[in-house]
Amino acid sequence: MATFNVTNSNDSGTGSLRDAISLANSTPGLDTINLSGNVTLTAGINITDSLIITGTNSVITQTGLDRLFKIDNAATSLIDVTFNNLTLTGGRPVEIGGAVYTVENLTLNNL
């Protein structure tokens, strides 16, 4: 289990939410991401491993033509993902899942 802190509100780069999720995806087991500010995405982010994302009433906004998150590990075993204290806005996918598309276990707390 690893903990990653988002220190960059941009869509990409070191310390961004995208970077933290990429690191969590490559670290086996349940990981935690702490988000203290707002983030603007221009493309969706794939979550492929168990993860907890906790904000401080943070807003994650999608400005592109995509959903915010796709949660799918492409395996028969399920992963667990939890979102805490977040607002998700602006998802505009071409297909299904406005803000989040998931085939996994998803828990939403204060969303």
PDB file of N, CA and C in Angstrom:
ATOM      1  N   MET A   1       0.839  -1.178   0.000  1.00  0.00           N
ATOM      2  CA  MET A   1       0.000   0.000   0.000  1.00  0.00           C
ATOM      3  C   MET A   1       0.883   1.240   0.000  1.00  0.00           C
ATOM      4  N   ALA A   2       0.575   2.143  -0.922  1.00  0.00           N
ATOM      5  CA  ALA A   2       1.333   3.384  -1.029  1.00  0.00           C
ATOM      6  C   ALA A   2       0.373   4.567  -0.947  1.00  0.00           C
ATOM      7  N   THR A   3       0.908   5.709  -0.527  1.00  0.00           N
ATOM      8  CA  THR A   3       0.135   6.946  -0.471  1.00  0.00           C
ATOM      9  C   THR A   3       0.780   7.963  -1.389  1.00  0.00           C
ATOM     10  N   PHE A   4      -0.049   8.606  -2.210  1.00  0.00           N
ATOM     11  CA  PHE A   4       0.419   9.626  -3.146  1.00  0.00           C
ATOM     12  C   PHE A   4      -0.348  10.914  -2.876  1.00  0.00           C
ATOM     13  N   ASN A   5       0.365  12.038  -2.860  1.00  0.00           N
ATOM     14  CA  ASN A   5      -0.257  13.337  -2.638  1.00  0.00           C
ATOM     15  C   ASN A   5      -0.245  14.128  -3.933  1.00  0.00           C
ATOM     16  N   VAL A   6      -1.400  14.661  -4.315  1.00  0.00           N
ATOM     17  CA  VAL A   6      -1.498  15.482  -5.517  1.00  0.00           C
ATOM     18  C   VAL A   6      -1.045  16.893  -5.152  1.00  0.00           C
ATOM     19  N   THR A   7       0.002  17.360  -5.835  1.00  0.00           N
ATOM     20  CA  THR A   7       0.579  18.679  -5.560  1.00  0.00           C
ATOM     21  C   THR A   7       0.520  19.594  -6.774  1.00  0.00           C
ATOM     22  N   ASN A   8      -0.097  19.122  -7.851  1.00  0.00           N
ATOM     23  CA  ASN A   8      -0.139  19.838  -9.120  1.00  0.00           C
ATOM     24  C   ASN A   8      -1.576  19.757  -9.630  1.00  0.00           C
ATOM     25  N   SER A   9      -2.231  20.888  -9.826  1.00  0.00           N
ATOM     26  CA  SER A   9      -3.635  20.885 -10.252  1.00  0.00           C
ATOM     27  C   SER A   9      -3.803  20.732 -11.757  1.00  0.00           C
ATOM     28  N   ASN A  10      -2.697  20.649 -12.490  1.00  0.00           N
ATOM     29  CA  ASN A  10      -2.763  20.467 -13.944  1.00  0.00           C
ATOM     30  C   ASN A  10      -3.188  19.043 -14.287  1.00  0.00           C
ATOM     31  N   ASP A  11      -3.532  18.834 -15.547  1.00  0.00           N
ATOM     32  CA  ASP A  11      -3.978  17.517 -16.002  1.00  0.00           C
ATOM     33  C   ASP A  11      -2.838  16.505 -16.060  1.00  0.00           C
ATOM     34  N   SER A  12      -1.615  16.976 -16.168  1.00  0.00           N
ATOM     35  CA  SER A  12      -0.492  16.042 -16.292  1.00  0.00           C
ATOM     36  C   SER A  12       0.739  16.621 -15.607  1.00  0.00           C
ATOM     37  N   GLY A  13       1.779  15.813 -15.574  1.00  0.00           N
ATOM     38  CA  GLY A  13       3.034  16.236 -14.965  1.00  0.00           C
ATOM     39  C   GLY A  13       3.209  15.643 -13.579  1.00  0.00           C
ATOM     40  N   THR A  14       4.415  15.749 -13.073  1.00  0.00           N
ATOM     41  CA  THR A  14       4.745  15.232 -11.754  1.00  0.00           C
ATOM     42  C   THR A  14       3.837  15.859 -10.699  1.00  0.00           C
ATOM     43  N   GLY A  15       3.278  15.030  -9.854  1.00  0.00           N
ATOM     44  CA  GLY A  15       2.418  15.502  -8.778  1.00  0.00           C
ATOM     45  C   GLY A  15       0.967  15.725  -9.164  1.00  0.00           C
ATOM     46  N   SER A  16       0.622  15.468 -10.434  1.00  0.00           N
ATOM     47  CA  SER A  16      -0.767  15.636 -10.880  1.00  0.00           C
ATOM     48  C   SER A  16      -1.604  14.422 -10.476  1.00  0.00           C
ATOM     49  N   LEU A  17      -2.914  14.576 -10.534  1.00  0.00           N
ATOM     50  CA  LEU A  17      -3.806  13.450 -10.253  1.00  0.00           C
ATOM     51  C   LEU A  17      -3.556  12.319 -11.244  1.00  0.00           C
ATOM     52  N   ARG A  18      -3.378  12.651 -12.511  1.00  0.00           N
ATOM     53  CA  ARG A  18      -3.103  11.630 -13.529  1.00  0.00           C
ATOM     54  C   ARG A  18      -1.822  10.866 -13.188  1.00  0.00           C
ATOM     55  N   ASP A  19      -0.786  11.591 -12.781  1.00  0.00           N
ATOM     56  CA  ASP A  19       0.485  10.975 -12.402  1.00  0.00           C
ATOM     57  C   ASP A  19       0.297  10.078 -11.179  1.00  0.00           C
ATOM     58  N   ALA A  20      -0.438  10.562 -10.177  1.00  0.00           N
ATOM     59  CA  ALA A  20      -0.662   9.774  -8.958  1.00  0.00           C
ATOM     60  C   ALA A  20      -1.427   8.491  -9.260  1.00  0.00           C
ATOM     61  N   ILE A  21      -2.451   8.578 -10.125  1.00  0.00           N
ATOM     62  CA  ILE A  21      -3.212   7.377 -10.478  1.00  0.00           C
ATOM     63  C   ILE A  21      -2.351   6.416 -11.281  1.00  0.00           C
ATOM     64  N   SER A  22      -1.523   6.930 -12.171  1.00  0.00           N
ATOM     65  CA  SER A  22      -0.611   6.068 -12.931  1.00  0.00           C
ATOM     66  C   SER A  22       0.341   5.327 -11.989  1.00  0.00           C
ATOM     67  N   LEU A  23       0.886   6.032 -11.013  1.00  0.00           N
ATOM     68  CA  LEU A  23       1.771   5.391 -10.030  1.00  0.00           C
ATOM     69  C   LEU A  23       1.010   4.359  -9.202  1.00  0.00           C
ATOM     70  N   ALA A  24      -0.216   4.693  -8.799  1.00  0.00           N
ATOM     71  CA  ALA A  24      -1.030   3.751  -8.018  1.00  0.00           C
ATOM     72  C   ALA A  24      -1.383   2.518  -8.840  1.00  0.00           C
ATOM     73  N   ASN A  25      -1.687   2.709 -10.124  1.00  0.00           N
ATOM     74  CA  ASN A  25      -1.992   1.570 -10.995  1.00  0.00           C
ATOM     75  C   ASN A  25      -0.814   0.608 -11.091  1.00  0.00           C
ATOM     76  N   SER A  26       0.398   1.131 -11.025  1.00  0.00           N
ATOM     77  CA  SER A  26       1.582   0.278 -11.170  1.00  0.00           C
ATOM     78  C   SER A  26       2.105  -0.239  -9.827  1.00  0.00           C
ATOM     79  N   THR A  27       1.441   0.134  -8.727  1.00  0.00           N
ATOM     80  CA  THR A  27       1.818  -0.342  -7.394  1.00  0.00           C
ATOM     81  C   THR A  27       0.750  -1.325  -6.923  1.00  0.00           C
ATOM     82  N   PRO A  28       1.058  -2.621  -6.854  1.00  0.00           N
ATOM     83  CA  PRO A  28       0.043  -3.619  -6.491  1.00  0.00           C
ATOM     84  C   PRO A  28      -0.576  -3.351  -5.120  1.00  0.00           C
ATOM     85  N   GLY A  29      -1.866  -3.652  -5.008  1.00  0.00           N
ATOM     86  CA  GLY A  29      -2.575  -3.513  -3.743  1.00  0.00           C
ATOM     87  C   GLY A  29      -3.286  -2.184  -3.627  1.00  0.00           C
ATOM     88  N   LEU A  30      -3.987  -2.027  -2.524  1.00  0.00           N
ATOM     89  CA  LEU A  30      -4.771  -0.824  -2.264  1.00  0.00           C
ATOM     90  C   LEU A  30      -3.856   0.361  -1.990  1.00  0.00           C
ATOM     91  N   ASP A  31      -4.038   1.434  -2.742  1.00  0.00           N
ATOM     92  CA  ASP A  31      -3.260   2.658  -2.567  1.00  0.00           C
ATOM     93  C   ASP A  31      -4.200   3.806  -2.225  1.00  0.00           C
ATOM     94  N   THR A  32      -3.627   4.891  -1.709  1.00  0.00           N
ATOM     95  CA  THR A  32      -4.391   6.076  -1.340  1.00  0.00           C
ATOM     96  C   THR A  32      -3.828   7.289  -2.055  1.00  0.00           C
ATOM     97  N   ILE A  33      -4.737   8.126  -2.574  1.00  0.00           N
ATOM     98  CA  ILE A  33      -4.344   9.406  -3.163  1.00  0.00           C
ATOM     99  C   ILE A  33      -5.045  10.498  -2.380  1.00  0.00           C
ATOM    100  N   ASN A  34      -4.267  11.475  -1.904  1.00  0.00           N
ATOM    101  CA  ASN A  34      -4.808  12.624  -1.189  1.00  0.00           C
ATOM    102  C   ASN A  34      -4.808  13.825  -2.121  1.00  0.00           C
ATOM    103  N   LEU A  35      -5.962  14.465  -2.214  1.00  0.00           N
ATOM    104  CA  LEU A  35      -6.154  15.595  -3.124  1.00  0.00           C
ATOM    105  C   LEU A  35      -6.614  16.783  -2.291  1.00  0.00           C
ATOM    106  N   SER A  36      -5.820  17.868  -2.274  1.00  0.00           N
ATOM    107  CA  SER A  36      -6.172  19.004  -1.416  1.00  0.00           C
ATOM    108  C   SER A  36      -6.736  20.191  -2.186  1.00  0.00           C
ATOM    109  N   GLY A  37      -6.702  20.148  -3.507  1.00  0.00           N
ATOM    110  CA  GLY A  37      -7.222  21.259  -4.305  1.00  0.00           C
ATOM    111  C   GLY A  37      -8.123  20.752  -5.404  1.00  0.00           C
ATOM    112  N   ASN A  38      -8.426  21.627  -6.345  1.00  0.00           N
ATOM    113  CA  ASN A  38      -9.252  21.273  -7.494  1.00  0.00           C
ATOM    114  C   ASN A  38      -8.369  20.871  -8.665  1.00  0.00           C
ATOM    115  N   VAL A  39      -8.913  20.038  -9.556  1.00  0.00           N
ATOM    116  CA  VAL A  39      -8.167  19.538 -10.710  1.00  0.00           C
ATOM    117  C   VAL A  39      -9.041  19.663 -11.948  1.00  0.00           C
ATOM    118  N   THR A  40      -8.436  20.072 -13.060  1.00  0.00           N
ATOM    119  CA  THR A  40      -9.131  20.105 -14.343  1.00  0.00           C
ATOM    120  C   THR A  40      -8.486  19.091 -15.271  1.00  0.00           C
ATOM    121  N   LEU A  41      -9.307  18.185 -15.812  1.00  0.00           N
ATOM    122  CA  LEU A  41      -8.840  17.155 -16.739  1.00  0.00           C
ATOM    123  C   LEU A  41      -9.236  17.527 -18.159  1.00  0.00           C
ATOM    124  N   THR A  42      -8.421  17.107 -19.123  1.00  0.00           N
ATOM    125  CA  THR A  42      -8.763  17.286 -20.535  1.00  0.00           C
ATOM    126  C   THR A  42      -9.007  15.953 -21.222  1.00  0.00           C
ATOM    127  N   ALA A  43      -8.752  14.864 -20.512  1.00  0.00           N
ATOM    128  CA  ALA A  43      -8.995  13.509 -21.017  1.00  0.00           C
ATOM    129  C   ALA A  43      -9.273  12.614 -19.815  1.00  0.00           C
ATOM    130  N   GLY A  44      -9.937  11.497 -20.065  1.00  0.00           N
ATOM    131  CA  GLY A  44     -10.261  10.573 -18.990  1.00  0.00           C
ATOM    132  C   GLY A  44      -9.032   9.886 -18.424  1.00  0.00           C
ATOM    133  N   ILE A  45      -9.188   9.351 -17.214  1.00  0.00           N
ATOM    134  CA  ILE A  45      -8.118   8.621 -16.540  1.00  0.00           C
ATOM    135  C   ILE A  45      -8.608   7.207 -16.255  1.00  0.00           C
ATOM    136  N   ASN A  46      -7.779   6.220 -16.565  1.00  0.00           N
ATOM    137  CA  ASN A  46      -8.096   4.816 -16.288  1.00  0.00           C
ATOM    138  C   ASN A  46      -7.569   4.425 -14.914  1.00  0.00           C
ATOM    139  N   ILE A  47      -8.418   3.771 -14.136  1.00  0.00           N
ATOM    140  CA  ILE A  47      -8.026   3.219 -12.843  1.00  0.00           C
ATOM    141  C   ILE A  47      -8.078   1.705 -12.981  1.00  0.00           C
ATOM    142  N   THR A  48      -6.944   1.033 -12.717  1.00  0.00           N
ATOM    143  CA  THR A  48      -6.849  -0.408 -12.946  1.00  0.00           C
ATOM    144  C   THR A  48      -6.433  -1.200 -11.706  1.00  0.00           C
ATOM    145  N   ASP A  49      -6.343  -0.543 -10.546  1.00  0.00           N
ATOM    146  CA  ASP A  49      -5.958  -1.231  -9.319  1.00  0.00           C
ATOM    147  C   ASP A  49      -6.733  -0.607  -8.157  1.00  0.00           C
ATOM    148  N   SER A  50      -6.880  -1.338  -7.079  1.00  0.00           N
ATOM    149  CA  SER A  50      -7.635  -0.839  -5.925  1.00  0.00           C
ATOM    150  C   SER A  50      -7.071   0.494  -5.444  1.00  0.00           C
ATOM    151  N   LEU A  51      -7.992   1.429  -5.128  1.00  0.00           N
ATOM    152  CA  LEU A  51      -7.562   2.799  -4.883  1.00  0.00           C
ATOM    153  C   LEU A  51      -8.584   3.543  -4.036  1.00  0.00           C
ATOM    154  N   ILE A  52      -8.086   4.405  -3.157  1.00  0.00           N
ATOM    155  CA  ILE A  52      -8.916   5.359  -2.422  1.00  0.00           C
ATOM    156  C   ILE A  52      -8.440   6.751  -2.809  1.00  0.00           C
ATOM    157  N   ILE A  53      -9.361   7.590  -3.301  1.00  0.00           N
ATOM    158  CA  ILE A  53      -9.038   8.990  -3.576  1.00  0.00           C
ATOM    159  C   ILE A  53      -9.831   9.830  -2.591  1.00  0.00           C
ATOM    160  N   THR A  54      -9.116  10.604  -1.777  1.00  0.00           N
ATOM    161  CA  THR A  54      -9.755  11.436  -0.769  1.00  0.00           C
ATOM    162  C   THR A  54      -9.414  12.895  -1.022  1.00  0.00           C
ATOM    163  N   GLY A  55     -10.458  13.701  -1.174  1.00  0.00           N
ATOM    164  CA  GLY A  55     -10.282  15.133  -1.355  1.00  0.00           C
ATOM    165  C   GLY A  55     -10.671  15.886  -0.100  1.00  0.00           C
ATOM    166  N   THR A  56     -10.532  17.205  -0.179  1.00  0.00           N
ATOM    167  CA  THR A  56     -10.982  18.097   0.887  1.00  0.00           C
ATOM    168  C   THR A  56     -12.101  18.943   0.291  1.00  0.00           C
ATOM    169  N   ASN A  57     -13.190  18.249  -0.086  1.00  0.00           N
ATOM    170  CA  ASN A  57     -14.275  18.855  -0.863  1.00  0.00           C
ATOM    171  C   ASN A  57     -13.740  19.402  -2.176  1.00  0.00           C
ATOM    172  N   SER A  58     -12.830  18.656  -2.767  1.00  0.00           N
ATOM    173  CA  SER A  58     -12.174  19.020  -4.018  1.00  0.00           C
ATOM    174  C   SER A  58     -13.097  18.783  -5.200  1.00  0.00           C
ATOM    175  N   VAL A  59     -12.910  19.581  -6.253  1.00  0.00           N
ATOM    176  CA  VAL A  59     -13.688  19.454  -7.480  1.00  0.00           C
ATOM    177  C   VAL A  59     -12.765  18.951  -8.585  1.00  0.00           C
ATOM    178  N   ILE A  60     -13.190  17.879  -9.260  1.00  0.00           N
ATOM    179  CA  ILE A  60     -12.473  17.373 -10.431  1.00  0.00           C
ATOM    180  C   ILE A  60     -13.373  17.633 -11.627  1.00  0.00           C
ATOM    181  N   THR A  61     -12.890  18.451 -12.565  1.00  0.00           N
ATOM    182  CA  THR A  61     -13.676  18.874 -13.717  1.00  0.00           C
ATOM    183  C   THR A  61     -13.075  18.313 -14.993  1.00  0.00           C
ATOM    184  N   GLN A  62     -13.925  17.784 -15.849  1.00  0.00           N
ATOM    185  CA  GLN A  62     -13.510  17.291 -17.171  1.00  0.00           C
ATOM    186  C   GLN A  62     -13.912  18.343 -18.204  1.00  0.00           C
ATOM    187  N   THR A  63     -12.948  18.868 -18.960  1.00  0.00           N
ATOM    188  CA  THR A  63     -13.246  19.863 -19.995  1.00  0.00           C
ATOM    189  C   THR A  63     -13.224  19.264 -21.392  1.00  0.00           C
ATOM    190  N   GLY A  64     -12.731  18.038 -21.523  1.00  0.00           N
ATOM    191  CA  GLY A  64     -12.686  17.372 -22.824  1.00  0.00           C
ATOM    192  C   GLY A  64     -13.951  16.575 -23.083  1.00  0.00           C
ATOM    193  N   LEU A  65     -13.976  15.908 -24.225  1.00  0.00           N
ATOM    194  CA  LEU A  65     -15.119  15.069 -24.605  1.00  0.00           C
ATOM    195  C   LEU A  65     -14.871  13.641 -24.140  1.00  0.00           C
ATOM    196  N   ASP A  66     -14.914  13.444 -22.840  1.00  0.00           N
ATOM    197  CA  ASP A  66     -14.603  12.144 -22.256  1.00  0.00           C
ATOM    198  C   ASP A  66     -15.211  12.089 -20.859  1.00  0.00           C
ATOM    199  N   ARG A  67     -15.317  10.887 -20.308  1.00  0.00           N
ATOM    200  CA  ARG A  67     -15.705  10.741 -18.902  1.00  0.00           C
ATOM    201  C   ARG A  67     -14.488  11.101 -18.056  1.00  0.00           C
ATOM    202  N   LEU A  68     -14.679  11.255 -16.763  1.00  0.00           N
ATOM    203  CA  LEU A  68     -13.558  11.555 -15.888  1.00  0.00           C
ATOM    204  C   LEU A  68     -12.725  10.303 -15.614  1.00  0.00           C
ATOM    205  N   PHE A  69     -13.412   9.193 -15.252  1.00  0.00           N
ATOM    206  CA  PHE A  69     -12.702   7.978 -14.871  1.00  0.00           C
ATOM    207  C   PHE A  69     -13.323   6.748 -15.511  1.00  0.00           C
ATOM    208  N   LYS A  70     -12.468   5.826 -15.931  1.00  0.00           N
ATOM    209  CA  LYS A  70     -12.878   4.482 -16.318  1.00  0.00           C
ATOM    210  C   LYS A  70     -12.201   3.545 -15.326  1.00  0.00           C
ATOM    211  N   ILE A  71     -13.013   2.736 -14.627  1.00  0.00           N
ATOM    212  CA  ILE A  71     -12.492   1.828 -13.610  1.00  0.00           C
ATOM    213  C   ILE A  71     -12.689   0.407 -14.105  1.00  0.00           C
ATOM    214  N   ASP A  72     -11.594  -0.228 -14.499  1.00  0.00           N
ATOM    215  CA  ASP A  72     -11.665  -1.573 -15.080  1.00  0.00           C
ATOM    216  C   ASP A  72     -10.268  -2.172 -15.075  1.00  0.00           C
ATOM    217  N   ASN A  73     -10.090  -3.274 -14.358  1.00  0.00           N
ATOM    218  CA  ASN A  73      -8.780  -3.922 -14.341  1.00  0.00           C
ATOM    219  C   ASN A  73      -8.652  -5.031 -15.383  1.00  0.00           C
ATOM    220  N   ALA A  74      -9.689  -5.235 -16.187  1.00  0.00           N
ATOM    221  CA  ALA A  74      -9.673  -6.218 -17.278  1.00  0.00           C
ATOM    222  C   ALA A  74      -9.331  -7.627 -16.792  1.00  0.00           C
ATOM    223  N   ALA A  75      -9.720  -7.948 -15.567  1.00  0.00           N
ATOM    224  CA  ALA A  75      -9.477  -9.280 -15.011  1.00  0.00           C
ATOM    225  C   ALA A  75     -10.775  -9.794 -14.392  1.00  0.00           C
ATOM    226  N   THR A  76     -10.794 -11.071 -14.065  1.00  0.00           N
ATOM    227  CA  THR A  76     -12.001 -11.642 -13.466  1.00  0.00           C
ATOM    228  C   THR A  76     -12.147 -11.266 -11.998  1.00  0.00           C
ATOM    229  N   SER A  77     -11.034 -10.948 -11.319  1.00  0.00           N
ATOM    230  CA  SER A  77     -11.124 -10.533  -9.917  1.00  0.00           C
ATOM    231  C   SER A  77     -11.435  -9.036  -9.858  1.00  0.00           C
ATOM    232  N   LEU A  78     -12.304  -8.669  -8.919  1.00  0.00           N
ATOM    233  CA  LEU A  78     -12.720  -7.276  -8.804  1.00  0.00           C
ATOM    234  C   LEU A  78     -11.732  -6.457  -7.988  1.00  0.00           C
ATOM    235  N   ILE A  79     -11.615  -5.175  -8.332  1.00  0.00           N
ATOM    236  CA  ILE A  79     -10.854  -4.234  -7.524  1.00  0.00           C
ATOM    237  C   ILE A  79     -11.848  -3.341  -6.784  1.00  0.00           C
ATOM    238  N   ASP A  80     -11.373  -2.700  -5.723  1.00  0.00           N
ATOM    239  CA  ASP A  80     -12.202  -1.810  -4.912  1.00  0.00           C
ATOM    240  C   ASP A  80     -11.690  -0.383  -5.053  1.00  0.00           C
ATOM    241  N   VAL A  81     -12.586   0.522  -5.424  1.00  0.00           N
ATOM    242  CA  VAL A  81     -12.235   1.931  -5.573  1.00  0.00           C
ATOM    243  C   VAL A  81     -13.203   2.749  -4.729  1.00  0.00           C
ATOM    244  N   THR A  82     -12.654   3.719  -3.989  1.00  0.00           N
ATOM    245  CA  THR A  82     -13.463   4.601  -3.147  1.00  0.00           C
ATOM    246  C   THR A  82     -13.118   6.049  -3.453  1.00  0.00           C
ATOM    247  N   PHE A  83     -14.155   6.880  -3.622  1.00  0.00           N
ATOM    248  CA  PHE A  83     -13.994   8.325  -3.769  1.00  0.00           C
ATOM    249  C   PHE A  83     -14.590   8.974  -2.524  1.00  0.00           C
ATOM    250  N   ASN A  84     -13.808   9.817  -1.842  1.00  0.00           N
ATOM    251  CA  ASN A  84     -14.253  10.521  -0.641  1.00  0.00           C
ATOM    252  C   ASN A  84     -14.148  12.030  -0.830  1.00  0.00           C
ATOM    253  N   ASN A  85     -15.186  12.761  -0.446  1.00  0.00           N
ATOM    254  CA  ASN A  85     -15.150  14.225  -0.381  1.00  0.00           C
ATOM    255  C   ASN A  85     -14.743  14.876  -1.698  1.00  0.00           C
ATOM    256  N   LEU A  86     -15.417  14.491  -2.771  1.00  0.00           N
ATOM    257  CA  LEU A  86     -15.121  15.011  -4.105  1.00  0.00           C
ATOM    258  C   LEU A  86     -16.400  15.464  -4.796  1.00  0.00           C
ATOM    259  N   THR A  87     -16.250  16.385  -5.739  1.00  0.00           N
ATOM    260  CA  THR A  87     -17.301  16.720  -6.691  1.00  0.00           C
ATOM    261  C   THR A  87     -16.751  16.438  -8.075  1.00  0.00           C
ATOM    262  N   LEU A  88     -17.483  15.672  -8.876  1.00  0.00           N
ATOM    263  CA  LEU A  88     -17.076  15.340 -10.241  1.00  0.00           C
ATOM    264  C   LEU A  88     -18.001  16.074 -11.197  1.00  0.00           C
ATOM    265  N   THR A  89     -17.438  16.849 -12.130  1.00  0.00           N
ATOM    266  CA  THR A  89     -18.262  17.621 -13.059  1.00  0.00           C
ATOM    267  C   THR A  89     -17.707  17.552 -14.477  1.00  0.00           C
ATOM    268  N   GLY A  90     -18.603  17.742 -15.443  1.00  0.00           N
ATOM    269  CA  GLY A  90     -18.197  17.953 -16.825  1.00  0.00           C
ATOM    270  C   GLY A  90     -17.966  16.726 -17.677  1.00  0.00           C
ATOM    271  N   GLY A  91     -18.276  15.531 -17.221  1.00  0.00           N
ATOM    272  CA  GLY A  91     -18.049  14.344 -18.039  1.00  0.00           C
ATOM    273  C   GLY A  91     -18.934  14.332 -19.269  1.00  0.00           C
ATOM    274  N   ARG A  92     -18.323  14.137 -20.454  1.00  0.00           N
ATOM    275  CA  ARG A  92     -19.068  14.105 -21.709  1.00  0.00           C
ATOM    276  C   ARG A  92     -18.558  12.963 -22.587  1.00  0.00           C
ATOM    277  N   PRO A  93     -18.854  11.742 -22.234  1.00  0.00           N
ATOM    278  CA  PRO A  93     -18.322  10.630 -23.016  1.00  0.00           C
ATOM    279  C   PRO A  93     -19.079  10.425 -24.323  1.00  0.00           C
ATOM    280  N   VAL A  94     -18.395   9.841 -25.278  1.00  0.00           N
ATOM    281  CA  VAL A  94     -19.041   9.440 -26.524  1.00  0.00           C
ATOM    282  C   VAL A  94     -19.895   8.207 -26.267  1.00  0.00           C
ATOM    283  N   GLU A  95     -19.446   7.360 -25.352  1.00  0.00           N
ATOM    284  CA  GLU A  95     -20.158   6.126 -25.043  1.00  0.00           C
ATOM    285  C   GLU A  95     -20.841   6.246 -23.680  1.00  0.00           C
ATOM    286  N   ILE A  96     -20.791   5.204 -22.868  1.00  0.00           N
ATOM    287  CA  ILE A  96     -21.498   5.167 -21.586  1.00  0.00           C
ATOM    288  C   ILE A  96     -20.643   5.711 -20.441  1.00  0.00           C
ATOM    289  N   GLY A  97     -21.307   6.114 -19.362  1.00  0.00           N
ATOM    290  CA  GLY A  97     -20.605   6.561 -18.160  1.00  0.00           C
ATOM    291  C   GLY A  97     -20.251   8.029 -18.200  1.00  0.00           C
ATOM    292  N   GLY A  98     -21.148   8.907 -17.761  1.00  0.00           N
ATOM    293  CA  GLY A  98     -20.902  10.347 -17.834  1.00  0.00           C
ATOM    294  C   GLY A  98     -19.693  10.804 -17.045  1.00  0.00           C
ATOM    295  N   ALA A  99     -19.679  10.562 -15.752  1.00  0.00           N
ATOM    296  CA  ALA A  99     -18.533  10.934 -14.925  1.00  0.00           C
ATOM    297  C   ALA A  99     -17.613   9.735 -14.717  1.00  0.00           C
ATOM    298  N   VAL A 100     -18.227   8.573 -14.442  1.00  0.00           N
ATOM    299  CA  VAL A 100     -17.449   7.370 -14.139  1.00  0.00           C
ATOM    300  C   VAL A 100     -18.078   6.181 -14.852  1.00  0.00           C
ATOM    301  N   TYR A 101     -17.246   5.400 -15.502  1.00  0.00           N
ATOM    302  CA  TYR A 101     -17.662   4.103 -16.041  1.00  0.00           C
ATOM    303  C   TYR A 101     -16.916   3.059 -15.229  1.00  0.00           C
ATOM    304  N   THR A 102     -17.654   2.110 -14.646  1.00  0.00           N
ATOM    305  CA  THR A 102     -16.990   1.089 -13.845  1.00  0.00           C
ATOM    306  C   THR A 102     -17.633  -0.279 -14.038  1.00  0.00           C
ATOM    307  N   VAL A 103     -16.803  -1.297 -13.993  1.00  0.00           N
ATOM    308  CA  VAL A 103     -17.254  -2.684 -13.913  1.00  0.00           C
ATOM    309  C   VAL A 103     -16.693  -3.310 -12.628  1.00  0.00           C
ATOM    310  N   GLU A 104     -16.229  -2.466 -11.726  1.00  0.00           N
ATOM    311  CA  GLU A 104     -15.587  -2.881 -10.480  1.00  0.00           C
ATOM    312  C   GLU A 104     -16.431  -2.428  -9.288  1.00  0.00           C
ATOM    313  N   ASN A 105     -15.951  -2.682  -8.068  1.00  0.00           N
ATOM    314  CA  ASN A 105     -16.617  -2.212  -6.850  1.00  0.00           C
ATOM    315  C   ASN A 105     -16.278  -0.740  -6.638  1.00  0.00           C
ATOM    316  N   LEU A 106     -17.298   0.107  -6.549  1.00  0.00           N
ATOM    317  CA  LEU A 106     -17.089   1.544  -6.365  1.00  0.00           C
ATOM    318  C   LEU A 106     -17.904   2.024  -5.170  1.00  0.00           C
ATOM    319  N   THR A 107     -17.234   2.704  -4.235  1.00  0.00           N
ATOM    320  CA  THR A 107     -17.884   3.308  -3.079  1.00  0.00           C
ATOM    321  C   THR A 107     -17.737   4.820  -3.183  1.00  0.00           C
ATOM    322  N   LEU A 108     -18.850   5.537  -3.002  1.00  0.00           N
ATOM    323  CA  LEU A 108     -18.861   6.999  -3.071  1.00  0.00           C
ATOM    324  C   LEU A 108     -19.265   7.549  -1.711  1.00  0.00           C
ATOM    325  N   ASN A 109     -18.401   8.353  -1.102  1.00  0.00           N
ATOM    326  CA  ASN A 109     -18.681   8.976   0.191  1.00  0.00           C
ATOM    327  C   ASN A 109     -18.580  10.488   0.054  1.00  0.00           C
ATOM    328  N   ASN A 110     -19.669  11.181   0.366  1.00  0.00           N
ATOM    329  CA  ASN A 110     -19.711  12.641   0.287  1.00  0.00           C
ATOM    330  C   ASN A 110     -19.290  13.114  -1.100  1.00  0.00           C
ATOM    331  N   LEU A 111     -19.968  12.574  -2.097  1.00  0.00           N
ATOM    332  CA  LEU A 111     -19.665  12.922  -3.482  1.00  0.00           C
ATOM    333  C   LEU A 111     -20.785  13.764  -4.037  1.00  0.00           C
TER     334      LEU A 111
END
